[in-house]
C-alpha cells in the first residue's frame, strides 16, 4: 500500500527466498570475495565478446538464485532485470535464456533496488507467487560504451570510479524462510547540473539524500530504525558529499550506520580511484555480503539505497547534464 507520497509498505512482507552474487577476477581480489557464490577466472568467461560475457554472468546469477531457492524456472512468474547497455541487451538476451515472463527495467546503477521493489510489489499484491529480480555490469562493456575502450588506456581523474564486473539476482516469494522486504521508496530524478561522466558520485549523492529523506518522512521514522543504511555506489567523493548534505538538511544519520557498496567491495590495495560503481556494485554487495550479515543475525534491519546516473553516450555528446535517481528498499530479518 502507498505510504506518504512516494513509499510502499508491504503488508505481507515478501520473502527474499534466495539471492546470488557472481563476480570477475578483479572482484575475487577484493574485500568481499568470500561473499560471492561464483567468481570467474577471466573477464571473458570463455565468450567472444565482453557483452556476451556480461549476459552469461546474469544468466549464472539467475540460475544460482533459482537453484538455492529450491524451485524450478517454471515456477517463476516474472523476471525483472535491467543493465547499463544500450536497450538493456544484457538483460533482454538473458531473459531469452531464462525463459520466463520478462519485464525489462532501466534505472542505471539503481536498477537492483528498483527491480527488488517492483518484485516485492508484485508478490505482495498477489500478482505473483515468485518474482526474480536481477542486474549486471561489466567493466569493459561500460568503459567501451560510456568512456573509452580499455585498450585505449586513457587516464582517469581521482573522482572516477571502477565499474564492477558481476551480476546479482534474488528470488522474491510470497512465503518461505529468509529476510523480508518490508517497504520501499521510489526516488525522484534529481539533476544538480553536473555533466562530468568521471564524477558520478557527486552527481548521484543529492538523489540518494533526497530519497532517504523522503523514506524517513513517509514512514515517519529516523535513521535509528535501521542498523545499517547502504548507498549503492557513491564512492569516496559522493559518500562525503552525502554526509555533508545530511548535515545541511538537518538529517541525523550517524556515521557508523552509513556505508556505501562502492567503498566496501574492493580493498585499499586495488586502484579504483574513488571506488566502485555499476549495476553490479549494489547488487553483488547486497545479495552477497549484506544479506549474509543480516541472515547471520548481525543486523535486524537495513535500508539499501541504490543510486543511478541516467545519462547516455548521446546525452553526454550533446552536453546534457546528468539526471540521477535513487531507490530505497528496507529489508529485515
Protein backbone atom coordinates (compact mmCIF):
# COMPACT_ATOMS: atom_id res chain seq x y z
CA UNK A 1 0.00 0.00 0.00
CA UNK A 2 1.03 3.61 -0.53
CA UNK A 3 2.56 5.29 2.49
CA UNK A 4 3.07 9.03 2.36
CA UNK A 5 3.90 10.46 -1.03
CA UNK A 6 6.33 8.01 -2.66
CA UNK A 7 6.75 4.94 -0.46
CA UNK A 8 5.21 1.49 -0.31
CA UNK A 9 4.54 -0.61 2.76
CA UNK A 10 4.40 -4.33 2.00
CA UNK A 11 1.78 -5.70 4.38
CA UNK A 12 2.56 -9.33 3.61
CA UNK A 13 6.34 -8.81 3.86
CA UNK A 14 7.54 -10.75 0.79
CA UNK A 15 10.46 -13.09 1.45
CA UNK A 16 13.85 -12.98 -0.24
CA UNK A 17 13.87 -16.72 -0.63
CA UNK A 18 17.39 -16.73 -2.06
CA UNK A 19 19.98 -14.46 -3.60
CA UNK A 20 23.13 -14.91 -5.66
CA UNK A 21 26.18 -12.80 -6.44
CA UNK A 22 28.77 -13.56 -9.11
CA UNK A 23 31.92 -11.60 -9.93
CA UNK A 24 35.02 -11.37 -12.06
CA UNK A 25 38.72 -11.88 -11.32
CA UNK A 26 39.19 -8.34 -10.02
CA UNK A 27 36.30 -8.78 -7.58
CA UNK A 28 37.96 -12.02 -6.43
CA UNK A 29 40.83 -9.87 -5.13
CA UNK A 30 38.54 -7.57 -3.15
CA UNK A 31 37.32 -7.40 0.42
CA UNK A 32 34.12 -9.36 -0.18
CA UNK A 33 35.41 -12.29 -2.25
CA UNK A 34 34.10 -14.84 0.27
CA UNK A 35 30.55 -13.49 -0.12
CA UNK A 36 30.24 -14.32 -3.82
CA UNK A 37 28.58 -17.53 -4.97
CA UNK A 38 30.73 -17.69 -8.09
CA UNK A 39 33.94 -15.93 -9.17
CA UNK A 40 35.27 -16.18 -12.71
CA UNK A 41 38.91 -16.66 -13.58
CA UNK A 42 38.91 -14.28 -16.55
CA UNK A 43 36.79 -11.36 -17.73
CA UNK A 44 35.84 -13.11 -21.00
CA UNK A 45 34.01 -16.05 -19.38
CA UNK A 46 35.02 -18.08 -22.45
CA UNK A 47 32.86 -15.82 -24.63
CA UNK A 48 33.91 -13.99 -27.79
CA UNK A 49 32.78 -10.54 -26.60
CA UNK A 50 32.53 -8.69 -23.32
CA UNK A 51 28.82 -8.13 -23.92
CA UNK A 52 28.23 -11.88 -24.16
CA UNK A 53 30.28 -12.33 -21.01
CA UNK A 54 28.06 -9.85 -19.18
CA UNK A 55 24.95 -11.68 -20.35
CA UNK A 56 26.34 -15.00 -19.13
CA UNK A 57 27.04 -13.55 -15.69
CA UNK A 58 23.40 -12.58 -15.30
CA UNK A 59 22.27 -15.99 -16.51
CA UNK A 60 24.57 -17.66 -13.98
CA UNK A 61 23.34 -15.42 -11.15
CA UNK A 62 19.72 -16.20 -12.00
CA UNK A 63 20.38 -19.95 -12.26
CA UNK A 64 22.19 -19.92 -8.92
CA UNK A 65 19.44 -17.97 -7.16
CA UNK A 66 16.74 -20.28 -8.52
CA UNK A 67 18.72 -23.37 -7.50
CA UNK A 68 19.29 -22.01 -3.99
CA UNK A 69 15.56 -21.30 -3.69
CA UNK A 70 14.88 -24.97 -4.47
CA UNK A 71 12.34 -24.16 -7.15
CA UNK A 72 12.17 -24.59 -10.92
CA UNK A 73 12.44 -21.89 -13.58
CA UNK A 74 8.86 -22.63 -14.50
CA UNK A 75 7.77 -21.59 -11.01
CA UNK A 76 8.95 -18.02 -11.61
CA UNK A 77 6.06 -15.78 -12.66
CA UNK A 78 8.08 -12.73 -13.69
CA UNK A 79 11.72 -11.87 -14.32
CA UNK A 80 12.62 -8.20 -13.79
CA UNK A 81 16.03 -7.07 -14.96
CA UNK A 82 18.00 -4.20 -16.43
CA UNK A 83 21.59 -3.10 -17.02
CA UNK A 84 23.74 -0.30 -18.41
CA UNK A 85 23.96 -1.41 -22.03
CA UNK A 86 22.01 0.34 -24.78
CA UNK A 87 18.48 -1.14 -24.92
CA UNK A 88 19.39 -3.25 -21.83
CA UNK A 89 20.58 -6.02 -24.13
CA UNK A 90 22.37 -7.99 -21.39
CA UNK A 91 19.12 -8.41 -19.50
CA UNK A 92 16.89 -8.96 -22.51
CA UNK A 93 19.19 -11.56 -24.02
CA UNK A 94 19.47 -13.25 -20.61
CA UNK A 95 15.67 -13.34 -20.44
CA UNK A 96 15.75 -15.27 -23.69
CA UNK A 97 17.70 -17.98 -21.86
CA UNK A 98 15.86 -17.80 -18.52
CA UNK A 99 12.64 -18.32 -20.43
CA UNK A 100 10.04 -16.85 -18.07
CA UNK A 101 7.77 -13.77 -18.48
CA UNK A 102 10.06 -10.75 -18.58
CA UNK A 103 9.81 -7.10 -17.57
CA UNK A 104 12.80 -5.04 -18.69
CA UNK A 105 13.60 -2.06 -16.47
CA UNK A 106 16.20 0.70 -16.53
CA UNK A 107 17.46 2.71 -13.62
CA UNK A 108 21.18 2.64 -14.44
CA UNK A 109 23.02 1.67 -11.24
CA UNK A 110 19.79 2.00 -9.22
CA UNK A 111 18.32 -0.96 -11.14
CA UNK A 112 18.99 -3.55 -8.41
CA UNK A 113 16.68 -1.93 -5.87
CA UNK A 114 14.20 -0.77 -8.50
CA UNK A 115 13.85 -4.41 -9.53
CA UNK A 116 13.64 -5.68 -5.96
CA UNK A 117 10.99 -3.10 -5.04
CA UNK A 118 8.87 -3.97 -8.06
CA UNK A 119 9.28 -7.70 -7.46
CA UNK A 120 8.16 -7.24 -3.86
CA UNK A 121 5.17 -5.18 -5.02
CA UNK A 122 4.11 -7.90 -7.44
CA UNK A 123 4.36 -10.58 -4.78
CA UNK A 124 2.78 -8.51 -2.01
CA UNK A 125 -0.23 -7.64 -4.17
CA UNK A 126 -0.80 -11.26 -5.15
CA UNK A 127 0.13 -10.60 -8.78
CA UNK A 128 2.97 -13.13 -8.49
CA UNK A 129 3.95 -16.04 -6.28
CA UNK A 130 7.61 -15.92 -7.30
CA UNK A 131 9.45 -12.99 -8.89
CA UNK A 132 13.09 -12.94 -9.95
CA UNK A 133 14.97 -9.62 -9.87
CA UNK A 134 18.46 -9.25 -11.34
CA UNK A 135 21.02 -6.95 -12.86
CA UNK A 136 24.60 -6.97 -14.11
CA UNK A 137 27.52 -4.87 -15.34
CA UNK A 138 30.95 -5.46 -16.85
CA UNK A 139 33.89 -3.14 -16.56
CA UNK A 140 34.87 -3.47 -20.20
CA UNK A 141 31.39 -3.07 -21.68
CA UNK A 142 30.68 0.03 -19.59
CA UNK A 143 34.05 1.58 -20.41
CA UNK A 144 33.55 0.98 -24.11
CA UNK A 145 30.05 2.44 -24.17
CA UNK A 146 30.35 5.39 -21.81
CA UNK A 147 34.03 6.34 -21.88
CA UNK A 148 36.85 4.76 -23.89
CA UNK A 149 37.68 1.12 -24.66
CA UNK A 150 40.11 -0.26 -22.07
CA UNK A 151 42.67 -0.88 -24.82
CA UNK A 152 42.89 2.88 -25.31
CA UNK A 153 44.46 3.25 -21.86
CA UNK A 154 43.00 6.66 -21.09
CA UNK A 155 43.96 8.22 -17.78
CA UNK A 156 41.17 8.84 -15.28
CA UNK A 157 40.86 11.55 -12.62
CA UNK A 158 40.65 10.69 -8.89
CA UNK A 159 36.88 11.29 -8.94
CA UNK A 160 36.31 8.43 -11.42
CA UNK A 161 35.06 5.01 -10.33
CA UNK A 162 35.63 1.39 -11.35
CA UNK A 163 32.67 -0.47 -12.85
CA UNK A 164 32.11 -3.81 -11.11
CA UNK A 165 32.22 -6.92 -13.27
CA UNK A 166 29.47 -9.08 -11.84
CA UNK A 167 25.77 -9.84 -11.52
CA UNK A 168 23.25 -10.26 -8.75
CA UNK A 169 19.82 -11.86 -8.56
CA UNK A 170 17.19 -12.56 -5.93
CA UNK A 171 14.07 -14.71 -5.79
CA UNK A 172 11.20 -12.96 -4.01
CA UNK A 173 8.38 -15.21 -2.78
CA UNK A 174 5.05 -14.92 -1.03
CA UNK A 175 6.13 -17.37 1.69
CA UNK A 176 9.17 -19.22 2.95
CA UNK A 177 12.21 -18.59 5.08
CA UNK A 178 14.52 -15.62 4.62
CA UNK A 179 14.86 -11.88 5.03
CA UNK A 180 11.71 -9.92 4.30
CA UNK A 181 11.14 -6.83 2.17
CA UNK A 182 9.05 -4.53 4.32
CA UNK A 183 8.99 -1.20 2.46
CA UNK A 184 10.40 0.75 -0.46
CA UNK A 185 10.72 4.37 -1.51
CA UNK A 186 10.75 5.30 -5.19
CA UNK A 187 13.11 8.20 -5.82
CA UNK A 188 12.68 11.40 -7.80
CA UNK A 189 15.04 12.36 -10.61
CA UNK A 190 17.48 14.95 -9.26
CA UNK A 191 19.78 16.95 -11.54
CA UNK A 192 22.23 19.42 -9.98
CA UNK A 193 23.80 20.37 -13.30
CA UNK A 194 26.88 18.13 -13.10
CA UNK A 195 27.95 16.95 -16.56
CA UNK A 196 31.27 15.24 -15.86
CA UNK A 197 30.93 11.45 -16.52
CA UNK A 198 34.08 10.94 -14.45
CA UNK A 199 32.40 12.34 -11.32
CA UNK A 200 29.31 10.19 -10.89
CA UNK A 201 29.47 10.19 -7.10
CA UNK A 202 28.95 13.93 -6.93
CA UNK A 203 26.08 13.72 -9.42
CA UNK A 204 24.27 10.91 -7.57
CA UNK A 205 24.72 11.99 -3.94
CA UNK A 206 21.84 14.54 -3.92
CA UNK A 207 19.45 11.88 -5.26
CA UNK A 208 20.48 9.44 -2.53
CA UNK A 209 19.92 12.04 0.19
CA UNK A 210 16.58 13.10 -1.30
CA UNK A 211 15.28 9.51 -1.33
CA UNK A 212 16.47 8.76 2.21
CA UNK A 213 14.84 11.96 3.44
CA UNK A 214 11.59 11.00 1.67
CA UNK A 215 11.76 7.50 3.17
CA UNK A 216 12.09 8.87 6.70
CA UNK A 217 9.29 11.38 6.10
CA UNK A 218 6.82 8.95 4.52
CA UNK A 219 7.34 6.22 7.12
CA UNK A 220 7.71 8.71 10.00
CA UNK A 221 10.95 7.11 11.20
CA UNK A 222 14.57 8.14 11.71
CA UNK A 223 17.93 6.55 10.96
CA UNK A 224 17.72 4.86 14.37
CA UNK A 225 15.17 2.47 12.89
CA UNK A 226 17.95 0.76 10.90
CA UNK A 227 21.13 -0.99 11.88
CA UNK A 228 22.77 -0.03 8.58
CA UNK A 229 21.99 2.27 5.66
CA UNK A 230 23.94 1.45 2.50
CA UNK A 231 24.01 3.60 -0.62
CA UNK A 232 24.71 1.96 -3.95
CA UNK A 233 27.84 3.39 -5.49
CA UNK A 234 28.63 6.93 -4.40
CA UNK A 235 32.31 6.18 -3.82
CA UNK A 236 34.54 8.37 -1.69
CA UNK A 237 33.51 11.64 -3.33
CA UNK A 238 29.78 11.02 -3.30
CA UNK A 239 29.81 9.50 0.18
CA UNK A 240 31.47 12.61 1.59
CA UNK A 241 29.00 14.87 -0.24
CA UNK A 242 26.05 12.84 1.05
CA UNK A 243 27.24 13.23 4.65
CA UNK A 244 27.55 16.99 4.13
CA UNK A 245 24.05 17.16 2.63
CA UNK A 246 22.57 15.26 5.57
CA UNK A 247 24.04 17.86 7.91
CA UNK A 248 22.86 20.73 5.70
CA UNK A 249 19.28 19.42 5.69
CA UNK A 250 19.29 18.57 9.39
CA UNK A 251 19.01 14.81 8.86
CA UNK A 252 20.72 12.85 11.60
CA UNK A 253 22.40 9.79 10.08
CA UNK A 254 25.19 8.55 12.37
CA UNK A 255 28.40 7.77 10.52
CA UNK A 256 28.56 4.28 11.99
CA UNK A 257 25.20 3.48 10.33
CA UNK A 258 26.03 4.87 6.89
CA UNK A 259 28.10 2.96 4.35
CA UNK A 260 28.41 2.64 0.58
CA UNK A 261 28.65 -0.50 -1.54
CA UNK A 262 31.20 1.24 -3.74
CA UNK A 263 33.51 1.57 -0.75
CA UNK A 264 33.03 -1.96 0.54
CA UNK A 265 33.68 -4.26 -2.39
CA UNK A 266 37.35 -3.52 -3.19
CA UNK A 267 40.43 -3.42 -0.97
CA UNK A 268 42.63 -0.41 -0.40
CA UNK A 269 45.34 -2.04 -2.48
CA UNK A 270 43.16 -2.07 -5.60
CA UNK A 271 43.44 1.06 -7.72
CA UNK A 272 39.81 2.03 -8.24
CA UNK A 273 40.09 5.81 -7.83
CA UNK A 274 37.04 6.97 -5.83
CA UNK A 275 35.54 3.48 -5.51
CA UNK A 276 33.30 1.04 -7.32
CA UNK A 277 30.23 1.65 -9.49
CA UNK A 278 28.00 -0.15 -11.97
CA UNK A 279 24.71 -2.01 -11.68
CA UNK A 280 26.51 -4.99 -10.19
CA UNK A 281 28.06 -2.91 -7.40
CA UNK A 282 24.95 -2.57 -5.23
CA UNK A 283 23.55 -5.88 -6.49
CA UNK A 284 26.53 -8.08 -5.60
CA UNK A 285 27.26 -6.36 -2.27
CA UNK A 286 23.60 -6.53 -1.22
CA UNK A 287 22.79 -10.02 -2.49
CA UNK A 288 26.06 -11.36 -1.16
CA UNK A 289 27.72 -9.54 1.73
CA UNK A 290 24.89 -7.50 3.27
CA UNK A 291 22.23 -10.21 3.17
CA UNK A 292 24.71 -12.72 4.59
CA UNK A 293 25.27 -10.50 7.61
CA UNK A 294 21.54 -9.96 8.01
CA UNK A 295 20.87 -13.70 7.84
CA UNK A 296 23.62 -14.30 10.39
CA UNK A 297 21.83 -12.06 12.86
CA UNK A 298 24.44 -9.28 12.93
CA UNK A 299 21.70 -6.83 11.91
CA UNK A 300 17.92 -6.88 12.13
CA UNK A 301 17.02 -4.09 9.72
CA UNK A 302 18.83 -2.47 6.80
CA UNK A 303 17.98 0.14 4.18
CA UNK A 304 19.59 -0.26 0.75
CA UNK A 305 19.58 2.87 -1.41
CA UNK A 306 20.73 2.08 -4.95
CA UNK A 307 21.88 5.13 -6.89
CA UNK A 308 21.84 5.64 -10.65
CA UNK A 309 23.10 8.20 -13.17
CA UNK A 310 20.63 8.33 -16.05
CA UNK A 311 22.94 9.57 -18.78
CA UNK A 312 23.70 8.02 -22.15
CA UNK A 313 26.61 8.43 -24.57
CA UNK A 314 24.31 10.53 -26.74
CA UNK A 315 23.21 12.87 -23.95
CA UNK A 316 26.84 13.38 -22.94
CA UNK A 317 27.85 14.22 -26.51
CA UNK A 318 25.03 16.78 -26.61
CA UNK A 319 26.41 18.46 -23.47
CA UNK A 320 23.47 17.45 -21.29
CA UNK A 321 23.84 17.37 -17.52
CA UNK A 322 23.41 14.08 -15.64
CA UNK A 323 19.98 13.38 -14.10
CA UNK A 324 20.16 10.91 -11.23
CA UNK A 325 17.79 8.77 -9.19
CA UNK A 326 17.93 6.59 -6.07
CA UNK A 327 15.53 3.85 -4.95
CA UNK A 328 15.43 2.58 -1.38
CA UNK A 329 14.36 -0.86 -0.14
CA UNK A 330 14.04 -1.80 3.53
CA UNK A 331 14.86 -5.40 4.44
CA UNK A 332 14.57 -7.05 7.83
CA UNK A 333 15.38 -10.43 9.29
